[in-house]
PDB file of N, CA and C in Angstrom:
ATOM      1  N   MET A   1       2.753   5.357 -10.545  1.00  0.00           N
ATOM      2  CA  MET A   1       1.969   6.539 -10.812  1.00  0.00           C
ATOM      3  C   MET A   1       1.888   7.431  -9.578  1.00  0.00           C
ATOM      4  N   THR A   2       1.804   6.822  -8.405  1.00  0.00           N
ATOM      5  CA  THR A   2       1.733   7.635  -7.194  1.00  0.00           C
ATOM      6  C   THR A   2       3.052   8.345  -6.933  1.00  0.00           C
ATOM      7  N   LEU A   3       4.162   7.708  -7.293  1.00  0.00           N
ATOM      8  CA  LEU A   3       5.460   8.359  -7.144  1.00  0.00           C
ATOM      9  C   LEU A   3       5.537   9.584  -8.048  1.00  0.00           C
ATOM     10  N   LEU A   4       5.079   9.455  -9.274  1.00  0.00           N
ATOM     11  CA  LEU A   4       5.089  10.577 -10.210  1.00  0.00           C
ATOM     12  C   LEU A   4       4.211  11.710  -9.704  1.00  0.00           C
ATOM     13  N   LEU A   5       3.064  11.385  -9.145  1.00  0.00           N
ATOM     14  CA  LEU A   5       2.169  12.395  -8.598  1.00  0.00           C
ATOM     15  C   LEU A   5       2.793  13.082  -7.382  1.00  0.00           C
ATOM     16  N   ALA A   6       3.437  12.317  -6.525  1.00  0.00           N
ATOM     17  CA  ALA A   6       4.083  12.896  -5.346  1.00  0.00           C
ATOM     18  C   ALA A   6       5.222  13.827  -5.738  1.00  0.00           C
ATOM     19  N   ILE A   7       6.021  13.431  -6.717  1.00  0.00           N
ATOM     20  CA  ILE A   7       7.120  14.279  -7.175  1.00  0.00           C
ATOM     21  C   ILE A   7       6.570  15.537  -7.851  1.00  0.00           C
ATOM     22  N   ALA A   8       5.474  15.421  -8.599  1.00  0.00           N
ATOM     23  CA  ALA A   8       4.861  16.588  -9.243  1.00  0.00           C
ATOM     24  C   ALA A   8       4.314  17.560  -8.211  1.00  0.00           C
ATOM     25  N   ILE A   9       3.718  17.059  -7.147  1.00  0.00           N
ATOM     26  CA  ILE A   9       3.217  17.939  -6.083  1.00  0.00           C
ATOM     27  C   ILE A   9       4.384  18.621  -5.374  1.00  0.00           C
ATOM     28  N   ALA A  10       5.451  17.880  -5.122  1.00  0.00           N
ATOM     29  CA  ALA A  10       6.643  18.491  -4.522  1.00  0.00           C
ATOM     30  C   ALA A  10       7.228  19.552  -5.446  1.00  0.00           C
ATOM     31  N   ALA A  11       7.182  19.321  -6.755  1.00  0.00           N
ATOM     32  CA  ALA A  11       7.684  20.298  -7.716  1.00  0.00           C
ATOM     33  C   ALA A  11       6.829  21.563  -7.707  1.00  0.00           C
ATOM     34  N   LEU A  12       5.512  21.413  -7.608  1.00  0.00           N
ATOM     35  CA  LEU A  12       4.638  22.585  -7.508  1.00  0.00           C
ATOM     36  C   LEU A  12       4.956  23.405  -6.265  1.00  0.00           C
ATOM     37  N   ILE A  13       5.177  22.728  -5.162  1.00  0.00           N
ATOM     38  CA  ILE A  13       5.498  23.425  -3.917  1.00  0.00           C
ATOM     39  C   ILE A  13       6.846  24.124  -4.035  1.00  0.00           C
ATOM     40  N   LEU A  14       7.842  23.419  -4.585  1.00  0.00           N
ATOM     41  CA  LEU A  14       9.155  24.039  -4.760  1.00  0.00           C
ATOM     42  C   LEU A  14       9.097  25.236  -5.706  1.00  0.00           C
ATOM     43  N   GLY A  15       8.329  25.132  -6.779  1.00  0.00           N
ATOM     44  CA  GLY A  15       8.200  26.241  -7.713  1.00  0.00           C
ATOM     45  C   GLY A  15       7.523  27.444  -7.104  1.00  0.00           C
ATOM     46  N   THR A  16       6.688  27.212  -6.112  1.00  0.00           N
ATOM     47  CA  THR A  16       5.984  28.306  -5.453  1.00  0.00           C
ATOM     48  C   THR A  16       6.855  29.007  -4.425  1.00  0.00           C
ATOM     49  N   VAL A  17       7.736  28.275  -3.752  1.00  0.00           N
ATOM     50  CA  VAL A  17       8.515  28.878  -2.666  1.00  0.00           C
ATOM     51  C   VAL A  17       9.934  29.281  -3.057  1.00  0.00           C
ATOM     52  N   LEU A  18      10.363  28.978  -4.270  1.00  0.00           N
ATOM     53  CA  LEU A  18      11.712  29.370  -4.671  1.00  0.00           C
ATOM     54  C   LEU A  18      11.832  30.886  -4.726  1.00  0.00           C
ATOM     55  N   PRO A  19      12.930  31.451  -4.205  1.00  0.00           N
ATOM     56  CA  PRO A  19      13.095  32.909  -4.302  1.00  0.00           C
ATOM     57  C   PRO A  19      13.350  33.331  -5.752  1.00  0.00           C
ATOM     58  N   LEU A  20      12.910  34.526  -6.104  1.00  0.00           N
ATOM     59  CA  LEU A  20      13.016  34.988  -7.485  1.00  0.00           C
ATOM     60  C   LEU A  20      14.316  35.735  -7.775  1.00  0.00           C
ATOM     61  N   GLN A  21      15.212  35.902  -6.794  1.00  0.00           N
ATOM     62  CA  GLN A  21      16.454  36.618  -7.054  1.00  0.00           C
ATOM     63  C   GLN A  21      17.337  35.860  -8.042  1.00  0.00           C
ATOM     64  N   ARG A  22      17.502  34.593  -7.824  1.00  0.00           N
ATOM     65  CA  ARG A  22      18.340  33.757  -8.700  1.00  0.00           C
ATOM     66  C   ARG A  22      17.485  32.634  -9.255  1.00  0.00           C
ATOM     67  N   VAL A  23      16.670  32.973 -10.206  1.00  0.00           N
ATOM     68  CA  VAL A  23      15.677  32.030 -10.714  1.00  0.00           C
ATOM     69  C   VAL A  23      16.324  30.852 -11.419  1.00  0.00           C
ATOM     70  N   LEU A  24      17.292  31.110 -12.268  1.00  0.00           N
ATOM     71  CA  LEU A  24      17.889  30.034 -13.055  1.00  0.00           C
ATOM     72  C   LEU A  24      18.622  29.033 -12.166  1.00  0.00           C
ATOM     73  N   LEU A  25      19.448  29.522 -11.254  1.00  0.00           N
ATOM     74  CA  LEU A  25      20.173  28.601 -10.366  1.00  0.00           C
ATOM     75  C   LEU A  25      19.218  27.832  -9.457  1.00  0.00           C
ATOM     76  N   GLY A  26      18.199  28.494  -8.947  1.00  0.00           N
ATOM     77  CA  GLY A  26      17.222  27.825  -8.104  1.00  0.00           C
ATOM     78  C   GLY A  26      16.434  26.784  -8.878  1.00  0.00           C
ATOM     79  N   PHE A  27      16.061  27.110 -10.114  1.00  0.00           N
ATOM     80  CA  PHE A  27      15.322  26.170 -10.944  1.00  0.00           C
ATOM     81  C   PHE A  27      16.162  24.938 -11.254  1.00  0.00           C
ATOM     82  N   LEU A  28      17.423  25.153 -11.628  1.00  0.00           N
ATOM     83  CA  LEU A  28      18.297  24.020 -11.937  1.00  0.00           C
ATOM     84  C   LEU A  28      18.553  23.154 -10.706  1.00  0.00           C
ATOM     85  N   ALA A  29      18.749  23.788  -9.558  1.00  0.00           N
ATOM     86  CA  ALA A  29      18.987  23.030  -8.328  1.00  0.00           C
ATOM     87  C   ALA A  29      17.739  22.238  -7.930  1.00  0.00           C
ATOM     88  N   ALA A  30      16.570  22.855  -8.047  1.00  0.00           N
ATOM     89  CA  ALA A  30      15.334  22.155  -7.697  1.00  0.00           C
ATOM     90  C   ALA A  30      15.066  21.009  -8.667  1.00  0.00           C
ATOM     91  N   ALA A  31      15.319  21.215  -9.954  1.00  0.00           N
ATOM     92  CA  ALA A  31      15.121  20.146 -10.935  1.00  0.00           C
ATOM     93  C   ALA A  31      16.075  18.981 -10.668  1.00  0.00           C
ATOM     94  N   ALA A  32      17.328  19.295 -10.354  1.00  0.00           N
ATOM     95  CA  ALA A  32      18.295  18.236 -10.050  1.00  0.00           C
ATOM     96  C   ALA A  32      17.906  17.478  -8.785  1.00  0.00           C
ATOM     97  N   LEU A  33      17.454  18.203  -7.778  1.00  0.00           N
ATOM     98  CA  LEU A  33      17.029  17.559  -6.535  1.00  0.00           C
ATOM     99  C   LEU A  33      15.841  16.640  -6.767  1.00  0.00           C
ATOM    100  N   LEU A  34      14.855  17.103  -7.511  1.00  0.00           N
ATOM    101  CA  LEU A  34      13.683  16.265  -7.790  1.00  0.00           C
ATOM    102  C   LEU A  34      14.044  15.047  -8.633  1.00  0.00           C
ATOM    103  N   PHE A  35      14.909  15.244  -9.630  1.00  0.00           N
ATOM    104  CA  PHE A  35      15.310  14.135 -10.488  1.00  0.00           C
ATOM    105  C   PHE A  35      16.057  13.071  -9.683  1.00  0.00           C
ATOM    106  N   LEU A  36      17.012  13.496  -8.873  1.00  0.00           N
ATOM    107  CA  LEU A  36      17.778  12.530  -8.082  1.00  0.00           C
ATOM    108  C   LEU A  36      16.907  11.832  -7.038  1.00  0.00           C
ATOM    109  N   THR A  37      15.952  12.546  -6.471  1.00  0.00           N
ATOM    110  CA  THR A  37      15.036  11.929  -5.515  1.00  0.00           C
ATOM    111  C   THR A  37      14.191  10.860  -6.192  1.00  0.00           C
ATOM    112  N   GLN A  38      13.649  11.196  -7.362  1.00  0.00           N
ATOM    113  CA  GLN A  38      12.824  10.227  -8.082  1.00  0.00           C
ATOM    114  C   GLN A  38      13.660   9.027  -8.528  1.00  0.00           C
ATOM    115  N   ALA A  39      14.886   9.252  -8.991  1.00  0.00           N
ATOM    116  CA  ALA A  39      15.749   8.149  -9.413  1.00  0.00           C
ATOM    117  C   ALA A  39      16.125   7.259  -8.219  1.00  0.00           C
ATOM    118  N   ALA A  40      16.388   7.873  -7.077  1.00  0.00           N
ATOM    119  CA  ALA A  40      16.738   7.080  -5.890  1.00  0.00           C
ATOM    120  C   ALA A  40      15.565   6.223  -5.435  1.00  0.00           C
ATOM    121  N   ILE A  41      14.364   6.765  -5.497  1.00  0.00           N
ATOM    122  CA  ILE A  41      13.192   5.987  -5.098  1.00  0.00           C
ATOM    123  C   ILE A  41      12.942   4.851  -6.084  1.00  0.00           C
ATOM    124  N   HIS A  42      13.093   5.133  -7.382  1.00  0.00           N
ATOM    125  CA  HIS A  42      12.945   4.061  -8.376  1.00  0.00           C
ATOM    126  C   HIS A  42      13.973   2.952  -8.144  1.00  0.00           C
ATOM    127  N   THR A  43      15.203   3.333  -7.844  1.00  0.00           N
ATOM    128  CA  THR A  43      16.266   2.349  -7.624  1.00  0.00           C
ATOM    129  C   THR A  43      15.988   1.522  -6.373  1.00  0.00           C
ATOM    130  N   ALA A  44      15.503   2.146  -5.333  1.00  0.00           N
ATOM    131  CA  ALA A  44      15.268   1.431  -4.079  1.00  0.00           C
ATOM    132  C   ALA A  44      14.050   0.515  -4.146  1.00  0.00           C
ATOM    133  N   MET A  45      13.103   0.819  -5.043  1.00  0.00           N
ATOM    134  CA  MET A  45      11.878   0.029  -5.104  1.00  0.00           C
ATOM    135  C   MET A  45      12.065  -1.308  -5.804  1.00  0.00           C
ATOM    136  N   GLY A  46      13.040  -1.440  -6.650  1.00  0.00           N
ATOM    137  CA  GLY A  46      13.207  -2.695  -7.376  1.00  0.00           C
ATOM    138  C   GLY A  46      12.499  -2.651  -8.713  1.00  0.00           C
ATOM    139  N   PHE A  47      12.740  -3.665  -9.523  1.00  0.00           N
ATOM    140  CA  PHE A  47      12.187  -3.729 -10.874  1.00  0.00           C
ATOM    141  C   PHE A  47      10.731  -4.183 -10.836  1.00  0.00           C
ATOM    142  N   GLU A  48       9.836  -3.335 -11.281  1.00  0.00           N
ATOM    143  CA  GLU A  48       8.407  -3.659 -11.380  1.00  0.00           C
ATOM    144  C   GLU A  48       7.828  -4.168 -10.058  1.00  0.00           C
ATOM    145  N   GLY A  49       8.307  -3.642  -8.936  1.00  0.00           N
ATOM    146  CA  GLY A  49       7.759  -4.021  -7.644  1.00  0.00           C
ATOM    147  C   GLY A  49       8.321  -5.294  -7.041  1.00  0.00           C
ATOM    148  N   THR A  50       9.305  -5.921  -7.694  1.00  0.00           N
ATOM    149  CA  THR A  50       9.903  -7.123  -7.121  1.00  0.00           C
ATOM    150  C   THR A  50      10.888  -6.736  -6.019  1.00  0.00           C
ATOM    151  N   PRO A  51      11.175  -7.647  -5.118  1.00  0.00           N
ATOM    152  CA  PRO A  51      12.168  -7.343  -4.086  1.00  0.00           C
ATOM    153  C   PRO A  51      13.543  -7.058  -4.703  1.00  0.00           C
ATOM    154  N   LEU A  52      14.350  -6.339  -3.970  1.00  0.00           N
ATOM    155  CA  LEU A  52      15.657  -5.933  -4.495  1.00  0.00           C
ATOM    156  C   LEU A  52      16.556  -7.133  -4.784  1.00  0.00           C
ATOM    157  N   SER A  53      16.431  -8.206  -4.010  1.00  0.00           N
ATOM    158  CA  SER A  53      17.263  -9.385  -4.254  1.00  0.00           C
ATOM    159  C   SER A  53      16.915 -10.026  -5.602  1.00  0.00           C
ATOM    160  N   GLU A  54      15.637 -10.096  -5.929  1.00  0.00           N
ATOM    161  CA  GLU A  54      15.242 -10.643  -7.225  1.00  0.00           C
ATOM    162  C   GLU A  54      15.589  -9.686  -8.363  1.00  0.00           C
ATOM    163  N   THR A  55      15.506  -8.418  -8.085  1.00  0.00           N
ATOM    164  CA  THR A  55      15.862  -7.423  -9.095  1.00  0.00           C
ATOM    165  C   THR A  55      17.325  -7.548  -9.472  1.00  0.00           C
ATOM    166  N   MET A  56      18.163  -7.756  -8.485  1.00  0.00           N
ATOM    167  CA  MET A  56      19.591  -7.870  -8.779  1.00  0.00           C
ATOM    168  C   MET A  56      19.889  -9.139  -9.574  1.00  0.00           C
ATOM    169  N   LEU A  57      19.090 -10.183  -9.411  1.00  0.00           N
ATOM    170  CA  LEU A  57      19.250 -11.372 -10.248  1.00  0.00           C
ATOM    171  C   LEU A  57      18.931 -11.051 -11.705  1.00  0.00           C
ATOM    172  N   LEU A  58      17.914 -10.223 -11.926  1.00  0.00           N
ATOM    173  CA  LEU A  58      17.566  -9.824 -13.288  1.00  0.00           C
ATOM    174  C   LEU A  58      18.675  -9.016 -13.956  1.00  0.00           C
ATOM    175  N   PHE A  59      19.377  -8.229 -13.154  1.00  0.00           N
ATOM    176  CA  PHE A  59      20.443  -7.388 -13.688  1.00  0.00           C
ATOM    177  C   PHE A  59      21.824  -8.028 -13.505  1.00  0.00           C
ATOM    178  N   ASN A  60      21.867  -9.315 -13.253  1.00  0.00           N
ATOM    179  CA  ASN A  60      23.118 -10.058 -13.132  1.00  0.00           C
ATOM    180  C   ASN A  60      24.006  -9.511 -12.007  1.00  0.00           C
ATOM    181  N   ASN A  61      23.385  -9.094 -10.922  1.00  0.00           N
ATOM    182  CA  ASN A  61      24.079  -8.513  -9.771  1.00  0.00           C
ATOM    183  C   ASN A  61      24.942  -7.307 -10.141  1.00  0.00           C
ATOM    184  N   SER A  62      24.523  -6.554 -11.117  1.00  0.00           N
ATOM    185  CA  SER A  62      25.249  -5.364 -11.559  1.00  0.00           C
ATOM    186  C   SER A  62      24.519  -4.111 -11.094  1.00  0.00           C
ATOM    187  N   TRP A  63      25.067  -3.478 -10.064  1.00  0.00           N
ATOM    188  CA  TRP A  63      24.477  -2.237  -9.578  1.00  0.00           C
ATOM    189  C   TRP A  63      24.512  -1.132 -10.625  1.00  0.00           C
ATOM    190  N   PRO A  64      25.624  -0.955 -11.364  1.00  0.00           N
ATOM    191  CA  PRO A  64      25.612   0.096 -12.401  1.00  0.00           C
ATOM    192  C   PRO A  64      24.518  -0.111 -13.454  1.00  0.00           C
ATOM    193  N   ALA A  65      24.257  -1.350 -13.843  1.00  0.00           N
ATOM    194  CA  ALA A  65      23.191  -1.608 -14.808  1.00  0.00           C
ATOM    195  C   ALA A  65      21.827  -1.281 -14.213  1.00  0.00           C
ATOM    196  N   HIS A  66      21.623  -1.639 -12.965  1.00  0.00           N
ATOM    197  CA  HIS A  66      20.349  -1.366 -12.292  1.00  0.00           C
ATOM    198  C   HIS A  66      20.140   0.141 -12.128  1.00  0.00           C
ATOM    199  N   ILE A  67      21.167   0.850 -11.702  1.00  0.00           N
ATOM    200  CA  ILE A  67      21.061   2.301 -11.524  1.00  0.00           C
ATOM    201  C   ILE A  67      20.887   2.992 -12.876  1.00  0.00           C
ATOM    202  N   GLY A  68      21.604   2.557 -13.884  1.00  0.00           N
ATOM    203  CA  GLY A  68      21.459   3.131 -15.223  1.00  0.00           C
ATOM    204  C   GLY A  68      20.066   2.932 -15.789  1.00  0.00           C
ATOM    205  N   TYR A  69      19.510   1.754 -15.573  1.00  0.00           N
ATOM    206  CA  TYR A  69      18.140   1.491 -16.022  1.00  0.00           C
ATOM    207  C   TYR A  69      17.164   2.433 -15.329  1.00  0.00           C
ATOM    208  N   ASN A  70      17.324   2.615 -14.040  1.00  0.00           N
ATOM    209  CA  ASN A  70      16.411   3.484 -13.303  1.00  0.00           C
ATOM    210  C   ASN A  70      16.608   4.954 -13.656  1.00  0.00           C
ATOM    211  N   LEU A  71      17.824   5.363 -13.968  1.00  0.00           N
ATOM    212  CA  LEU A  71      18.032   6.731 -14.447  1.00  0.00           C
ATOM    213  C   LEU A  71      17.331   6.956 -15.782  1.00  0.00           C
ATOM    214  N   GLN A  72      17.352   5.952 -16.633  1.00  0.00           N
ATOM    215  CA  GLN A  72      16.670   6.049 -17.921  1.00  0.00           C
ATOM    216  C   GLN A  72      15.153   6.128 -17.720  1.00  0.00           C
ATOM    217  N   ILE A  73      14.599   5.323 -16.849  1.00  0.00           N
ATOM    218  CA  ILE A  73      13.165   5.360 -16.560  1.00  0.00           C
ATOM    219  C   ILE A  73      12.780   6.715 -15.967  1.00  0.00           C
ATOM    220  N   THR A  74      13.596   7.226 -15.077  1.00  0.00           N
ATOM    221  CA  THR A  74      13.321   8.527 -14.469  1.00  0.00           C
ATOM    222  C   THR A  74      13.391   9.637 -15.509  1.00  0.00           C
ATOM    223  N   PHE A  75      14.358   9.567 -16.402  1.00  0.00           N
ATOM    224  CA  PHE A  75      14.492  10.578 -17.452  1.00  0.00           C
ATOM    225  C   PHE A  75      13.247  10.617 -18.328  1.00  0.00           C
ATOM    226  N   ARG A  76      12.700   9.455 -18.628  1.00  0.00           N
ATOM    227  CA  ARG A  76      11.513   9.391 -19.487  1.00  0.00           C
ATOM    228  C   ARG A  76      10.263   9.896 -18.795  1.00  0.00           C
ATOM    229  N   SER A  77      10.194   9.780 -17.488  1.00  0.00           N
ATOM    230  CA  SER A  77       8.975  10.180 -16.773  1.00  0.00           C
ATOM    231  C   SER A  77       9.117  11.526 -16.069  1.00  0.00           C
ATOM    232  N   PHE A  78      10.133  12.302 -16.390  1.00  0.00           N
ATOM    233  CA  PHE A  78      10.393  13.532 -15.641  1.00  0.00           C
ATOM    234  C   PHE A  78       9.742  14.764 -16.261  1.00  0.00           C
ATOM    235  N   ALA A  79       9.024  14.626 -17.358  1.00  0.00           N
ATOM    236  CA  ALA A  79       8.429  15.793 -18.013  1.00  0.00           C
ATOM    237  C   ALA A  79       7.353  16.445 -17.138  1.00  0.00           C
ATOM    238  N   LEU A  80       6.493  15.668 -16.524  1.00  0.00           N
ATOM    239  CA  LEU A  80       5.428  16.230 -15.692  1.00  0.00           C
ATOM    240  C   LEU A  80       5.978  16.979 -14.474  1.00  0.00           C
ATOM    241  N   PRO A  81       6.923  16.415 -13.705  1.00  0.00           N
ATOM    242  CA  PRO A  81       7.469  17.196 -12.591  1.00  0.00           C
ATOM    243  C   PRO A  81       8.206  18.462 -13.054  1.00  0.00           C
ATOM    244  N   LEU A  82       8.871  18.394 -14.190  1.00  0.00           N
ATOM    245  CA  LEU A  82       9.563  19.578 -14.692  1.00  0.00           C
ATOM    246  C   LEU A  82       8.565  20.665 -15.074  1.00  0.00           C
ATOM    247  N   LEU A  83       7.469  20.280 -15.693  1.00  0.00           N
ATOM    248  CA  LEU A  83       6.413  21.231 -16.028  1.00  0.00           C
ATOM    249  C   LEU A  83       5.770  21.791 -14.765  1.00  0.00           C
ATOM    250  N   ALA A  84       5.569  20.939 -13.773  1.00  0.00           N
ATOM    251  CA  ALA A  84       4.982  21.390 -12.512  1.00  0.00           C
ATOM    252  C   ALA A  84       5.917  22.337 -11.768  1.00  0.00           C
ATOM    253  N   LEU A  85       7.200  22.176 -11.935  1.00  0.00           N
ATOM    254  CA  LEU A  85       8.163  23.082 -11.304  1.00  0.00           C
ATOM    255  C   LEU A  85       8.210  24.415 -12.029  1.00  0.00           C
ATOM    256  N   ALA A  86       8.145  24.390 -13.345  1.00  0.00           N
ATOM    257  CA  ALA A  86       8.292  25.613 -14.134  1.00  0.00           C
ATOM    258  C   ALA A  86       7.041  26.493 -14.121  1.00  0.00           C
ATOM    259  N   THR A  87       5.873  25.909 -14.053  1.00  0.00           N
ATOM    260  CA  THR A  87       4.629  26.683 -14.170  1.00  0.00           C
ATOM    261  C   THR A  87       4.487  27.769 -13.100  1.00  0.00           C
ATOM    262  N   PRO A  88       4.644  27.467 -11.799  1.00  0.00           N
ATOM    263  CA  PRO A  88       4.517  28.556 -10.817  1.00  0.00           C
ATOM    264  C   PRO A  88       5.614  29.603 -10.964  1.00  0.00           C
ATOM    265  N   LEU A  89       6.808  29.182 -11.348  1.00  0.00           N
ATOM    266  CA  LEU A  89       7.890  30.146 -11.538  1.00  0.00           C
ATOM    267  C   LEU A  89       7.583  31.102 -12.678  1.00  0.00           C
ATOM    268  N   ILE A  90       7.037  30.593 -13.765  1.00  0.00           N
ATOM    269  CA  ILE A  90       6.711  31.447 -14.903  1.00  0.00           C
ATOM    270  C   ILE A  90       5.626  32.446 -14.530  1.00  0.00           C
ATOM    271  N   PHE A  91       4.602  31.991 -13.823  1.00  0.00           N
ATOM    272  CA  PHE A  91       3.539  32.907 -13.396  1.00  0.00           C
ATOM    273  C   PHE A  91       4.069  33.959 -12.421  1.00  0.00           C
ATOM    274  N   ARG A  92       4.930  33.554 -11.512  1.00  0.00           N
ATOM    275  CA  ARG A  92       5.496  34.512 -10.556  1.00  0.00           C
ATOM    276  C   ARG A  92       6.407  35.510 -11.244  1.00  0.00           C
ATOM    277  N   LEU A  93       7.177  35.054 -12.228  1.00  0.00           N
ATOM    278  CA  LEU A  93       8.037  35.989 -12.964  1.00  0.00           C
ATOM    279  C   LEU A  93       7.213  36.956 -13.792  1.00  0.00           C
ATOM    280  N   GLY A  94       6.099  36.491 -14.352  1.00  0.00           N
ATOM    281  CA  GLY A  94       5.220  37.366 -15.121  1.00  0.00           C
ATOM    282  C   GLY A  94       4.607  38.465 -14.275  1.00  0.00           C
ATOM    283  N   ARG A  95       4.290  38.161 -13.035  1.00  0.00           N
ATOM    284  CA  ARG A  95       3.731  39.172 -12.133  1.00  0.00           C
ATOM    285  C   ARG A  95       4.803  40.100 -11.615  1.00  0.00           C
ATOM    286  N   ALA A  96       6.048  39.633 -11.488  1.00  0.00           N
ATOM    287  CA  ALA A  96       7.128  40.449 -10.946  1.00  0.00           C
ATOM    288  C   ALA A  96       7.724  41.391 -11.979  1.00  0.00           C
ATOM    289  N   ALA A  97       7.518  41.123 -13.261  1.00  0.00           N
ATOM    290  CA  ALA A  97       8.097  41.963 -14.319  1.00  0.00           C
ATOM    291  C   ALA A  97       7.416  43.317 -14.329  1.00  0.00           C
ATOM    292  N   PRO A  98       8.187  44.391 -14.582  1.00  0.00           N
ATOM    293  CA  PRO A  98       7.596  45.746 -14.580  1.00  0.00           C
ATOM    294  C   PRO A  98       6.748  46.009 -15.791  1.00  0.00           C
TER     295      PRO A  98
END
């Protein structure tokens, strides 16, 4: 839960400081950066807080299976950071429109 909160706060900050010239490219790049950061942290932490050596035993020493599982977990929990990234951008675009 703290990881999700930290990523959401980072998304709010990124949404506030992104330049408005290229909103779509900046939004996609920021979303990809946040997603990959969250997936990397999930992968490095291990399964349910267990050490990485025990985690690899659970996944039969298969790194692709472990990474795929963590990508799936990250995909399911990425709605809040995505909303936190989009909200400041939408408000800023609304104020910038003529």
